[in-house]
Amino acid sequence: MNDDFSQAKDVFDGYIDLKKRNMVLLLSSVSFRPFAEQFRTIAGNKMVRVISFIRGTLQVIVSSCNQLVKRHFFEGTLDAYCRNMLKTICPCF
């Protein structure tokens, strides 16, 4: 919620009310990762289950390239994307 954690807590609490209707809430986003401590605060004393997984490096690279194509209209190839990443990391390429 753009760093407005009080607003995020209000939204989360609204979602949790769905549980009263025998529903399951699934929140999924890569962007949640840096906010683990804030999630603890937002969840309060509610019982929540956090499930996470870590992608392999190759999967991350392919996914990142796909996101560039989808969101930023990248028109290069996966090869070109990888070469550009390598140049950024190691200028010797």
C-alpha atoms as a PDB file:
ATOM      1  CA  MET A   1       0.000   0.000   0.000  1.00  0.00           C
ATOM      2  CA  ASN A   2       2.843   2.366  -0.948  1.00  0.00           C
ATOM      3  CA  ASP A   3       4.476   2.271   2.504  1.00  0.00           C
ATOM      4  CA  ASP A   4       1.200   3.204   4.256  1.00  0.00           C
ATOM      5  CA  PHE A   5       1.139   0.254   6.619  1.00  0.00           C
ATOM      6  CA  SER A   6      -1.893   1.494   8.565  1.00  0.00           C
ATOM      7  CA  GLN A   7      -3.879   1.415   5.302  1.00  0.00           C
ATOM      8  CA  ALA A   8      -2.387  -2.009   4.520  1.00  0.00           C
ATOM      9  CA  LYS A   9      -3.523  -3.248   7.956  1.00  0.00           C
ATOM     10  CA  ASP A  10      -7.068  -1.995   7.324  1.00  0.00           C
ATOM     11  CA  VAL A  11      -7.173  -3.781   3.950  1.00  0.00           C
ATOM     12  CA  PHE A  12      -5.674  -6.957   5.456  1.00  0.00           C
ATOM     13  CA  ASP A  13      -8.214  -6.919   8.298  1.00  0.00           C
ATOM     14  CA  GLY A  14     -10.979  -6.609   5.717  1.00  0.00           C
ATOM     15  CA  TYR A  15      -9.602  -9.615   3.865  1.00  0.00           C
ATOM     16  CA  ILE A  16      -9.354 -11.624   7.068  1.00  0.00           C
ATOM     17  CA  ASP A  17     -13.094 -11.102   7.597  1.00  0.00           C
ATOM     18  CA  LEU A  18     -13.541 -13.381   4.571  1.00  0.00           C
ATOM     19  CA  LYS A  19     -12.354 -16.217   6.783  1.00  0.00           C
ATOM     20  CA  LYS A  20     -15.617 -15.898   8.686  1.00  0.00           C
ATOM     21  CA  ARG A  21     -17.337 -16.986   5.481  1.00  0.00           C
ATOM     22  CA  ASN A  22     -15.222 -20.164   5.325  1.00  0.00           C
ATOM     23  CA  MET A  23     -12.934 -18.822   2.605  1.00  0.00           C
ATOM     24  CA  VAL A  24      -9.180 -18.898   2.129  1.00  0.00           C
ATOM     25  CA  LEU A  25      -7.171 -15.762   1.427  1.00  0.00           C
ATOM     26  CA  LEU A  26      -4.144 -16.131  -0.814  1.00  0.00           C
ATOM     27  CA  LEU A  27      -1.845 -13.145  -1.246  1.00  0.00           C
ATOM     28  CA  SER A  28       0.990 -13.616  -3.695  1.00  0.00           C
ATOM     29  CA  SER A  29       3.660 -11.170  -4.779  1.00  0.00           C
ATOM     30  CA  VAL A  30       7.411 -11.001  -5.139  1.00  0.00           C
ATOM     31  CA  SER A  31       7.206  -7.468  -3.765  1.00  0.00           C
ATOM     32  CA  PHE A  32       6.121  -8.761  -0.324  1.00  0.00           C
ATOM     33  CA  ARG A  33       9.596 -10.149   0.391  1.00  0.00           C
ATOM     34  CA  PRO A  34      11.176  -6.974   1.830  1.00  0.00           C
ATOM     35  CA  PHE A  35       8.259  -6.404   4.208  1.00  0.00           C
ATOM     36  CA  ALA A  36       8.372  -9.481   6.445  1.00  0.00           C
ATOM     37  CA  GLU A  37       8.539  -7.469   9.666  1.00  0.00           C
ATOM     38  CA  GLN A  38       5.704  -5.205   8.576  1.00  0.00           C
ATOM     39  CA  PHE A  39       3.557  -8.260   7.822  1.00  0.00           C
ATOM     40  CA  ARG A  40       4.089  -9.407  11.378  1.00  0.00           C
ATOM     41  CA  THR A  41       2.758  -6.064  12.608  1.00  0.00           C
ATOM     42  CA  ILE A  42      -0.111  -6.023  10.119  1.00  0.00           C
ATOM     43  CA  ALA A  43      -1.189  -9.578  11.053  1.00  0.00           C
ATOM     44  CA  GLY A  44      -1.154  -8.709  14.760  1.00  0.00           C
ATOM     45  CA  ASN A  45      -2.358 -11.626  16.845  1.00  0.00           C
ATOM     46  CA  LYS A  46      -4.156 -13.286  13.933  1.00  0.00           C
ATOM     47  CA  MET A  47      -3.083 -16.785  13.034  1.00  0.00           C
ATOM     48  CA  VAL A  48      -1.657 -16.724   9.505  1.00  0.00           C
ATOM     49  CA  ARG A  49       0.288 -19.236   7.469  1.00  0.00           C
ATOM     50  CA  VAL A  50       3.119 -17.988   5.296  1.00  0.00           C
ATOM     51  CA  ILE A  51       4.302 -20.216   2.479  1.00  0.00           C
ATOM     52  CA  SER A  52       7.199 -19.140   0.340  1.00  0.00           C
ATOM     53  CA  PHE A  53       9.471 -20.592  -2.249  1.00  0.00           C
ATOM     54  CA  ILE A  54      12.709 -19.520  -3.842  1.00  0.00           C
ATOM     55  CA  ARG A  55      13.168 -19.832  -7.552  1.00  0.00           C
ATOM     56  CA  GLY A  56      16.360 -21.108  -9.050  1.00  0.00           C
ATOM     57  CA  THR A  57      18.633 -18.558 -10.696  1.00  0.00           C
ATOM     58  CA  LEU A  58      17.722 -19.608 -14.229  1.00  0.00           C
ATOM     59  CA  GLN A  59      14.004 -19.343 -13.452  1.00  0.00           C
ATOM     60  CA  VAL A  60      14.517 -15.849 -12.014  1.00  0.00           C
ATOM     61  CA  ILE A  61      16.351 -14.712 -15.155  1.00  0.00           C
ATOM     62  CA  VAL A  62      13.676 -16.067 -17.508  1.00  0.00           C
ATOM     63  CA  SER A  63      10.882 -14.617 -15.359  1.00  0.00           C
ATOM     64  CA  SER A  64      12.582 -11.198 -15.214  1.00  0.00           C
ATOM     65  CA  CYS A  65      12.950 -11.142 -18.985  1.00  0.00           C
ATOM     66  CA  ASN A  66       9.296 -12.149 -19.407  1.00  0.00           C
ATOM     67  CA  GLN A  67       8.203  -9.338 -17.076  1.00  0.00           C
ATOM     68  CA  LEU A  68      10.186  -6.835 -19.141  1.00  0.00           C
ATOM     69  CA  VAL A  69       8.442  -8.054 -22.277  1.00  0.00           C
ATOM     70  CA  LYS A  70       5.008  -7.968 -20.644  1.00  0.00           C
ATOM     71  CA  ARG A  71       5.248  -4.702 -18.706  1.00  0.00           C
ATOM     72  CA  HIS A  72       7.865  -2.660 -20.489  1.00  0.00           C
ATOM     73  CA  PHE A  73       7.539  -3.935 -24.062  1.00  0.00           C
ATOM     74  CA  PHE A  74      11.114  -5.239 -24.208  1.00  0.00           C
ATOM     75  CA  GLU A  75      11.648  -6.488 -27.742  1.00  0.00           C
ATOM     76  CA  GLY A  76      15.043  -8.144 -27.360  1.00  0.00           C
ATOM     77  CA  THR A  77      15.819 -11.819 -27.059  1.00  0.00           C
ATOM     78  CA  LEU A  78      16.520 -13.750 -23.882  1.00  0.00           C
ATOM     79  CA  ASP A  79      20.116 -14.007 -25.099  1.00  0.00           C
ATOM     80  CA  ALA A  80      20.377 -10.217 -25.439  1.00  0.00           C
ATOM     81  CA  TYR A  81      18.816  -9.761 -21.995  1.00  0.00           C
ATOM     82  CA  CYS A  82      21.315 -12.168 -20.411  1.00  0.00           C
ATOM     83  CA  ARG A  83      24.256 -10.525 -22.157  1.00  0.00           C
ATOM     84  CA  ASN A  84      23.116  -7.133 -20.916  1.00  0.00           C
ATOM     85  CA  MET A  85      22.786  -8.467 -17.358  1.00  0.00           C
ATOM     86  CA  LEU A  86      26.292  -9.916 -17.558  1.00  0.00           C
ATOM     87  CA  LYS A  87      27.683  -6.603 -18.800  1.00  0.00           C
ATOM     88  CA  THR A  88      26.042  -4.859 -15.864  1.00  0.00           C
ATOM     89  CA  ILE A  89      27.456  -7.323 -13.377  1.00  0.00           C
ATOM     90  CA  CYS A  90      30.824  -7.818 -15.023  1.00  0.00           C
ATOM     91  CA  PRO A  91      31.957  -5.157 -17.521  1.00  0.00           C
ATOM     92  CA  CYS A  92      34.479  -7.608 -19.019  1.00  0.00           C
ATOM     93  CA  PHE A  93      31.671  -9.193 -21.093  1.00  0.00           C
END
